[in-house]
Amino acid sequence: MTLEQRNVWRKFLLEDGASGMATIEVLLIIAVLIALVILFKDTILGFVTEILGNISTQGTSFDPASMVP
């Protein structure tokens, strides 16, 4: 990362005059999201598996000719 890119990031993160507070807030939000994913991992995997299963079964029975009037 070049010095110019670092300065752009610093300016973005410290925009409102909050010295480092925005960075801490972003890190806390990321930590909470990771904790939620870990906590609900099985539920999320089951949901995604079900959706992908539905897509694959519906995809085999799709007939584009039936959509033409």
PDB file of N, CA and C in Angstrom:
ATOM      1  N   MET A   1       0.849  -1.166   0.000  1.00  0.00           N
ATOM      2  CA  MET A   1       0.000   0.000   0.000  1.00  0.00           C
ATOM      3  C   MET A   1       0.900   1.237   0.000  1.00  0.00           C
ATOM      4  N   THR A   2       0.618   2.127  -0.880  1.00  0.00           N
ATOM      5  CA  THR A   2       1.444   3.317  -0.991  1.00  0.00           C
ATOM      6  C   THR A   2       1.053   4.331   0.085  1.00  0.00           C
ATOM      7  N   LEU A   3       1.904   5.305   0.244  1.00  0.00           N
ATOM      8  CA  LEU A   3       1.657   6.349   1.234  1.00  0.00           C
ATOM      9  C   LEU A   3       0.390   7.127   0.899  1.00  0.00           C
ATOM     10  N   GLU A   4       0.151   7.354  -0.374  1.00  0.00           N
ATOM     11  CA  GLU A   4      -1.049   8.083  -0.802  1.00  0.00           C
ATOM     12  C   GLU A   4      -2.321   7.303  -0.452  1.00  0.00           C
ATOM     13  N   GLN A   5      -2.283   5.990  -0.658  1.00  0.00           N
ATOM     14  CA  GLN A   5      -3.437   5.162  -0.321  1.00  0.00           C
ATOM     15  C   GLN A   5      -3.690   5.156   1.190  1.00  0.00           C
ATOM     16  N   ARG A   6      -2.614   5.102   1.959  1.00  0.00           N
ATOM     17  CA  ARG A   6      -2.765   5.145   3.420  1.00  0.00           C
ATOM     18  C   ARG A   6      -3.392   6.455   3.875  1.00  0.00           C
ATOM     19  N   ASN A   7      -2.963   7.538   3.258  1.00  0.00           N
ATOM     20  CA  ASN A   7      -3.519   8.840   3.614  1.00  0.00           C
ATOM     21  C   ASN A   7      -4.999   8.931   3.263  1.00  0.00           C
ATOM     22  N   VAL A   8      -5.382   8.335   2.146  1.00  0.00           N
ATOM     23  CA  VAL A   8      -6.790   8.323   1.760  1.00  0.00           C
ATOM     24  C   VAL A   8      -7.612   7.553   2.789  1.00  0.00           C
ATOM     25  N   TRP A   9      -7.096   6.383   3.221  1.00  0.00           N
ATOM     26  CA  TRP A   9      -7.796   5.590   4.230  1.00  0.00           C
ATOM     27  C   TRP A   9      -7.879   6.336   5.555  1.00  0.00           C
ATOM     28  N   ARG A  10      -6.809   6.979   5.948  1.00  0.00           N
ATOM     29  CA  ARG A  10      -6.820   7.737   7.206  1.00  0.00           C
ATOM     30  C   ARG A  10      -7.855   8.856   7.148  1.00  0.00           C
ATOM     31  N   LYS A  11      -7.872   9.563   6.032  1.00  0.00           N
ATOM     32  CA  LYS A  11      -8.820  10.653   5.871  1.00  0.00           C
ATOM     33  C   LYS A  11     -10.250  10.117   5.920  1.00  0.00           C
ATOM     34  N   PHE A  12     -10.503   8.973   5.289  1.00  0.00           N
ATOM     35  CA  PHE A  12     -11.833   8.363   5.287  1.00  0.00           C
ATOM     36  C   PHE A  12     -12.246   7.930   6.692  1.00  0.00           C
ATOM     37  N   LEU A  13     -11.354   7.282   7.411  1.00  0.00           N
ATOM     38  CA  LEU A  13     -11.689   6.765   8.732  1.00  0.00           C
ATOM     39  C   LEU A  13     -11.796   7.858   9.794  1.00  0.00           C
ATOM     40  N   LEU A  14     -11.095   8.944   9.603  1.00  0.00           N
ATOM     41  CA  LEU A  14     -11.090  10.011  10.599  1.00  0.00           C
ATOM     42  C   LEU A  14     -11.871  11.230  10.125  1.00  0.00           C
ATOM     43  N   GLU A  15     -12.823  11.046   9.235  1.00  0.00           N
ATOM     44  CA  GLU A  15     -13.513  12.125   8.568  1.00  0.00           C
ATOM     45  C   GLU A  15     -14.215  13.097   9.511  1.00  0.00           C
ATOM     46  N   ASP A  16     -14.933  12.620  10.493  1.00  0.00           N
ATOM     47  CA  ASP A  16     -15.723  13.487  11.347  1.00  0.00           C
ATOM     48  C   ASP A  16     -14.937  14.057  12.523  1.00  0.00           C
ATOM     49  N   GLY A  17     -13.646  13.995  12.485  1.00  0.00           N
ATOM     50  CA  GLY A  17     -12.848  14.520  13.565  1.00  0.00           C
ATOM     51  C   GLY A  17     -12.731  13.557  14.735  1.00  0.00           C
ATOM     52  N   ALA A  18     -13.348  12.422  14.624  1.00  0.00           N
ATOM     53  CA  ALA A  18     -13.265  11.417  15.680  1.00  0.00           C
ATOM     54  C   ALA A  18     -11.937  10.697  15.524  1.00  0.00           C
ATOM     55  N   SER A  19     -11.069  10.857  16.481  1.00  0.00           N
ATOM     56  CA  SER A  19      -9.739  10.279  16.354  1.00  0.00           C
ATOM     57  C   SER A  19      -9.763   8.783  16.633  1.00  0.00           C
ATOM     58  N   GLY A  20      -9.953   8.003  15.600  1.00  0.00           N
ATOM     59  CA  GLY A  20      -9.903   6.561  15.724  1.00  0.00           C
ATOM     60  C   GLY A  20     -11.207   5.929  16.172  1.00  0.00           C
ATOM     61  N   MET A  21     -12.197   6.713  16.529  1.00  0.00           N
ATOM     62  CA  MET A  21     -13.459   6.154  17.003  1.00  0.00           C
ATOM     63  C   MET A  21     -14.160   5.398  15.889  1.00  0.00           C
ATOM     64  N   ALA A  22     -14.118   5.877  14.666  1.00  0.00           N
ATOM     65  CA  ALA A  22     -14.768   5.199  13.547  1.00  0.00           C
ATOM     66  C   ALA A  22     -14.135   3.832  13.323  1.00  0.00           C
ATOM     67  N   THR A  23     -12.847   3.732  13.498  1.00  0.00           N
ATOM     68  CA  THR A  23     -12.156   2.459  13.319  1.00  0.00           C
ATOM     69  C   THR A  23     -12.620   1.447  14.356  1.00  0.00           C
ATOM     70  N   ILE A  24     -12.754   1.883  15.581  1.00  0.00           N
ATOM     71  CA  ILE A  24     -13.208   0.987  16.646  1.00  0.00           C
ATOM     72  C   ILE A  24     -14.640   0.534  16.386  1.00  0.00           C
ATOM     73  N   GLU A  25     -15.489   1.443  15.922  1.00  0.00           N
ATOM     74  CA  GLU A  25     -16.865   1.088  15.620  1.00  0.00           C
ATOM     75  C   GLU A  25     -16.939   0.047  14.511  1.00  0.00           C
ATOM     76  N   VAL A  26     -16.146   0.230  13.475  1.00  0.00           N
ATOM     77  CA  VAL A  26     -16.134  -0.731  12.370  1.00  0.00           C
ATOM     78  C   VAL A  26     -15.653  -2.091  12.863  1.00  0.00           C
ATOM     79  N   LEU A  27     -14.609  -2.114  13.666  1.00  0.00           N
ATOM     80  CA  LEU A  27     -14.102  -3.375  14.198  1.00  0.00           C
ATOM     81  C   LEU A  27     -15.124  -4.066  15.097  1.00  0.00           C
ATOM     82  N   LEU A  28     -15.851  -3.293  15.896  1.00  0.00           N
ATOM     83  CA  LEU A  28     -16.883  -3.879  16.743  1.00  0.00           C
ATOM     84  C   LEU A  28     -18.030  -4.453  15.924  1.00  0.00           C
ATOM     85  N   ILE A  29     -18.426  -3.773  14.887  1.00  0.00           N
ATOM     86  CA  ILE A  29     -19.485  -4.286  14.011  1.00  0.00           C
ATOM     87  C   ILE A  29     -19.044  -5.582  13.347  1.00  0.00           C
ATOM     88  N   ILE A  30     -17.815  -5.625  12.862  1.00  0.00           N
ATOM     89  CA  ILE A  30     -17.289  -6.840  12.240  1.00  0.00           C
ATOM     90  C   ILE A  30     -17.246  -7.976  13.251  1.00  0.00           C
ATOM     91  N   ALA A  31     -16.816  -7.682  14.471  1.00  0.00           N
ATOM     92  CA  ALA A  31     -16.747  -8.716  15.505  1.00  0.00           C
ATOM     93  C   ALA A  31     -18.135  -9.271  15.832  1.00  0.00           C
ATOM     94  N   VAL A  32     -19.128  -8.391  15.911  1.00  0.00           N
ATOM     95  CA  VAL A  32     -20.499  -8.844  16.190  1.00  0.00           C
ATOM     96  C   VAL A  32     -21.018  -9.703  15.042  1.00  0.00           C
ATOM     97  N   LEU A  33     -20.759  -9.293  13.810  1.00  0.00           N
ATOM     98  CA  LEU A  33     -21.207 -10.081  12.658  1.00  0.00           C
ATOM     99  C   LEU A  33     -20.556 -11.460  12.641  1.00  0.00           C
ATOM    100  N   ILE A  34     -19.271 -11.524  12.936  1.00  0.00           N
ATOM    101  CA  ILE A  34     -18.579 -12.818  12.982  1.00  0.00           C
ATOM    102  C   ILE A  34     -19.159 -13.688  14.092  1.00  0.00           C
ATOM    103  N   ALA A  35     -19.440 -13.088  15.238  1.00  0.00           N
ATOM    104  CA  ALA A  35     -20.035 -13.851  16.348  1.00  0.00           C
ATOM    105  C   ALA A  35     -21.406 -14.386  15.969  1.00  0.00           C
ATOM    106  N   LEU A  36     -22.208 -13.586  15.273  1.00  0.00           N
ATOM    107  CA  LEU A  36     -23.526 -14.050  14.837  1.00  0.00           C
ATOM    108  C   LEU A  36     -23.419 -15.197  13.836  1.00  0.00           C
ATOM    109  N   VAL A  37     -22.469 -15.097  12.928  1.00  0.00           N
ATOM    110  CA  VAL A  37     -22.279 -16.174  11.953  1.00  0.00           C
ATOM    111  C   VAL A  37     -21.857 -17.456  12.664  1.00  0.00           C
ATOM    112  N   ILE A  38     -20.964 -17.353  13.618  1.00  0.00           N
ATOM    113  CA  ILE A  38     -20.520 -18.540  14.363  1.00  0.00           C
ATOM    114  C   ILE A  38     -21.687 -19.117  15.163  1.00  0.00           C
ATOM    115  N   LEU A  39     -22.479 -18.250  15.775  1.00  0.00           N
ATOM    116  CA  LEU A  39     -23.592 -18.695  16.606  1.00  0.00           C
ATOM    117  C   LEU A  39     -24.674 -19.401  15.784  1.00  0.00           C
ATOM    118  N   PHE A  40     -24.977 -18.875  14.611  1.00  0.00           N
ATOM    119  CA  PHE A  40     -26.050 -19.413  13.780  1.00  0.00           C
ATOM    120  C   PHE A  40     -25.525 -20.167  12.560  1.00  0.00           C
ATOM    121  N   LYS A  41     -24.330 -20.715  12.662  1.00  0.00           N
ATOM    122  CA  LYS A  41     -23.695 -21.381  11.532  1.00  0.00           C
ATOM    123  C   LYS A  41     -24.557 -22.515  10.979  1.00  0.00           C
ATOM    124  N   ASP A  42     -25.060 -23.377  11.846  1.00  0.00           N
ATOM    125  CA  ASP A  42     -25.851 -24.511  11.396  1.00  0.00           C
ATOM    126  C   ASP A  42     -27.149 -24.062  10.728  1.00  0.00           C
ATOM    127  N   THR A  43     -27.782 -23.053  11.280  1.00  0.00           N
ATOM    128  CA  THR A  43     -29.019 -22.534  10.698  1.00  0.00           C
ATOM    129  C   THR A  43     -28.761 -21.924   9.331  1.00  0.00           C
ATOM    130  N   ILE A  44     -27.692 -21.167   9.209  1.00  0.00           N
ATOM    131  CA  ILE A  44     -27.350 -20.531   7.935  1.00  0.00           C
ATOM    132  C   ILE A  44     -27.026 -21.597   6.891  1.00  0.00           C
ATOM    133  N   LEU A  45     -26.232 -22.603   7.274  1.00  0.00           N
ATOM    134  CA  LEU A  45     -25.890 -23.671   6.327  1.00  0.00           C
ATOM    135  C   LEU A  45     -27.127 -24.444   5.887  1.00  0.00           C
ATOM    136  N   GLY A  46     -28.024 -24.737   6.812  1.00  0.00           N
ATOM    137  CA  GLY A  46     -29.259 -25.430   6.455  1.00  0.00           C
ATOM    138  C   GLY A  46     -30.109 -24.615   5.500  1.00  0.00           C
ATOM    139  N   PHE A  47     -30.204 -23.319   5.754  1.00  0.00           N
ATOM    140  CA  PHE A  47     -30.988 -22.432   4.904  1.00  0.00           C
ATOM    141  C   PHE A  47     -30.413 -22.373   3.486  1.00  0.00           C
ATOM    142  N   VAL A  48     -29.112 -22.187   3.387  1.00  0.00           N
ATOM    143  CA  VAL A  48     -28.455 -22.105   2.071  1.00  0.00           C
ATOM    144  C   VAL A  48     -28.559 -23.442   1.339  1.00  0.00           C
ATOM    145  N   THR A  49     -28.383 -24.542   2.059  1.00  0.00           N
ATOM    146  CA  THR A  49     -28.484 -25.861   1.439  1.00  0.00           C
ATOM    147  C   THR A  49     -29.890 -26.089   0.899  1.00  0.00           C
ATOM    148  N   GLU A  50     -30.896 -25.705   1.664  1.00  0.00           N
ATOM    149  CA  GLU A  50     -32.283 -25.864   1.216  1.00  0.00           C
ATOM    150  C   GLU A  50     -32.567 -25.040  -0.031  1.00  0.00           C
ATOM    151  N   ILE A  51     -32.096 -23.798  -0.038  1.00  0.00           N
ATOM    152  CA  ILE A  51     -32.316 -22.925  -1.201  1.00  0.00           C
ATOM    153  C   ILE A  51     -31.618 -23.491  -2.434  1.00  0.00           C
ATOM    154  N   LEU A  52     -30.369 -23.912  -2.271  1.00  0.00           N
ATOM    155  CA  LEU A  52     -29.645 -24.458  -3.415  1.00  0.00           C
ATOM    156  C   LEU A  52     -30.286 -25.760  -3.886  1.00  0.00           C
ATOM    157  N   GLY A  53     -30.807 -26.559  -2.976  1.00  0.00           N
ATOM    158  CA  GLY A  53     -31.504 -27.775  -3.357  1.00  0.00           C
ATOM    159  C   GLY A  53     -32.764 -27.475  -4.149  1.00  0.00           C
ATOM    160  N   ASN A  54     -33.503 -26.465  -3.708  1.00  0.00           N
ATOM    161  CA  ASN A  54     -34.706 -26.059  -4.438  1.00  0.00           C
ATOM    162  C   ASN A  54     -34.366 -25.546  -5.830  1.00  0.00           C
ATOM    163  N   ILE A  55     -33.304 -24.794  -5.924  1.00  0.00           N
ATOM    164  CA  ILE A  55     -32.895 -24.259  -7.224  1.00  0.00           C
ATOM    165  C   ILE A  55     -32.508 -25.396  -8.163  1.00  0.00           C
ATOM    166  N   SER A  56     -31.780 -26.362  -7.656  1.00  0.00           N
ATOM    167  CA  SER A  56     -31.334 -27.451  -8.522  1.00  0.00           C
ATOM    168  C   SER A  56     -32.505 -28.340  -8.953  1.00  0.00           C
ATOM    169  N   THR A  57     -33.492 -28.583  -8.088  1.00  0.00           N
ATOM    170  CA  THR A  57     -34.632 -29.408  -8.485  1.00  0.00           C
ATOM    171  C   THR A  57     -35.558 -28.648  -9.421  1.00  0.00           C
ATOM    172  N   GLN A  58     -35.729 -27.375  -9.212  1.00  0.00           N
ATOM    173  CA  GLN A  58     -36.579 -26.588 -10.100  1.00  0.00           C
ATOM    174  C   GLN A  58     -35.891 -26.344 -11.436  1.00  0.00           C
ATOM    175  N   GLY A  59     -34.576 -26.316 -11.420  1.00  0.00           N
ATOM    176  CA  GLY A  59     -33.839 -26.084 -12.662  1.00  0.00           C
ATOM    177  C   GLY A  59     -33.943 -27.259 -13.611  1.00  0.00           C
ATOM    178  N   THR A  60     -34.099 -28.466 -13.109  1.00  0.00           N
ATOM    179  CA  THR A  60     -34.203 -29.639 -13.992  1.00  0.00           C
ATOM    180  C   THR A  60     -35.577 -29.730 -14.630  1.00  0.00           C
ATOM    181  N   SER A  61     -36.610 -29.134 -14.002  1.00  0.00           N
ATOM    182  CA  SER A  61     -37.954 -29.217 -14.550  1.00  0.00           C
ATOM    183  C   SER A  61     -38.346 -27.973 -15.335  1.00  0.00           C
ATOM    184  N   PHE A  62     -37.423 -27.068 -15.550  1.00  0.00           N
ATOM    185  CA  PHE A  62     -37.708 -25.828 -16.279  1.00  0.00           C
ATOM    186  C   PHE A  62     -37.821 -26.104 -17.759  1.00  0.00           C
ATOM    187  N   ASP A  63     -38.925 -25.628 -18.358  1.00  0.00           N
ATOM    188  CA  ASP A  63     -39.149 -25.800 -19.801  1.00  0.00           C
ATOM    189  C   ASP A  63     -39.426 -24.429 -20.400  1.00  0.00           C
ATOM    190  N   PRO A  64     -38.457 -23.834 -21.101  1.00  0.00           N
ATOM    191  CA  PRO A  64     -38.657 -22.489 -21.662  1.00  0.00           C
ATOM    192  C   PRO A  64     -39.783 -22.455 -22.688  1.00  0.00           C
ATOM    193  N   ALA A  65     -40.054 -23.562 -23.355  1.00  0.00           N
ATOM    194  CA  ALA A  65     -41.115 -23.583 -24.375  1.00  0.00           C
ATOM    195  C   ALA A  65     -42.485 -23.342 -23.741  1.00  0.00           C
ATOM    196  N   SER A  66     -42.651 -23.701 -22.492  1.00  0.00           N
ATOM    197  CA  SER A  66     -43.937 -23.499 -21.830  1.00  0.00           C
ATOM    198  C   SER A  66     -44.196 -22.029 -21.521  1.00  0.00           C
ATOM    199  N   MET A  67     -43.189 -21.205 -21.586  1.00  0.00           N
ATOM    200  CA  MET A  67     -43.351 -19.779 -21.304  1.00  0.00           C
ATOM    201  C   MET A  67     -43.751 -18.980 -22.532  1.00  0.00           C
ATOM    202  N   VAL A  68     -43.603 -19.543 -23.715  1.00  0.00           N
ATOM    203  CA  VAL A  68     -43.922 -18.854 -24.953  1.00  0.00           C
ATOM    204  C   VAL A  68     -45.426 -18.952 -25.185  1.00  0.00           C
ATOM    205  N   PRO A  69     -46.103 -17.805 -25.422  1.00  0.00           N
ATOM    206  CA  PRO A  69     -47.559 -17.849 -25.643  1.00  0.00           C
ATOM    207  C   PRO A  69     -47.944 -18.454 -26.979  1.00  0.00           C
TER     208      PRO A  69
END
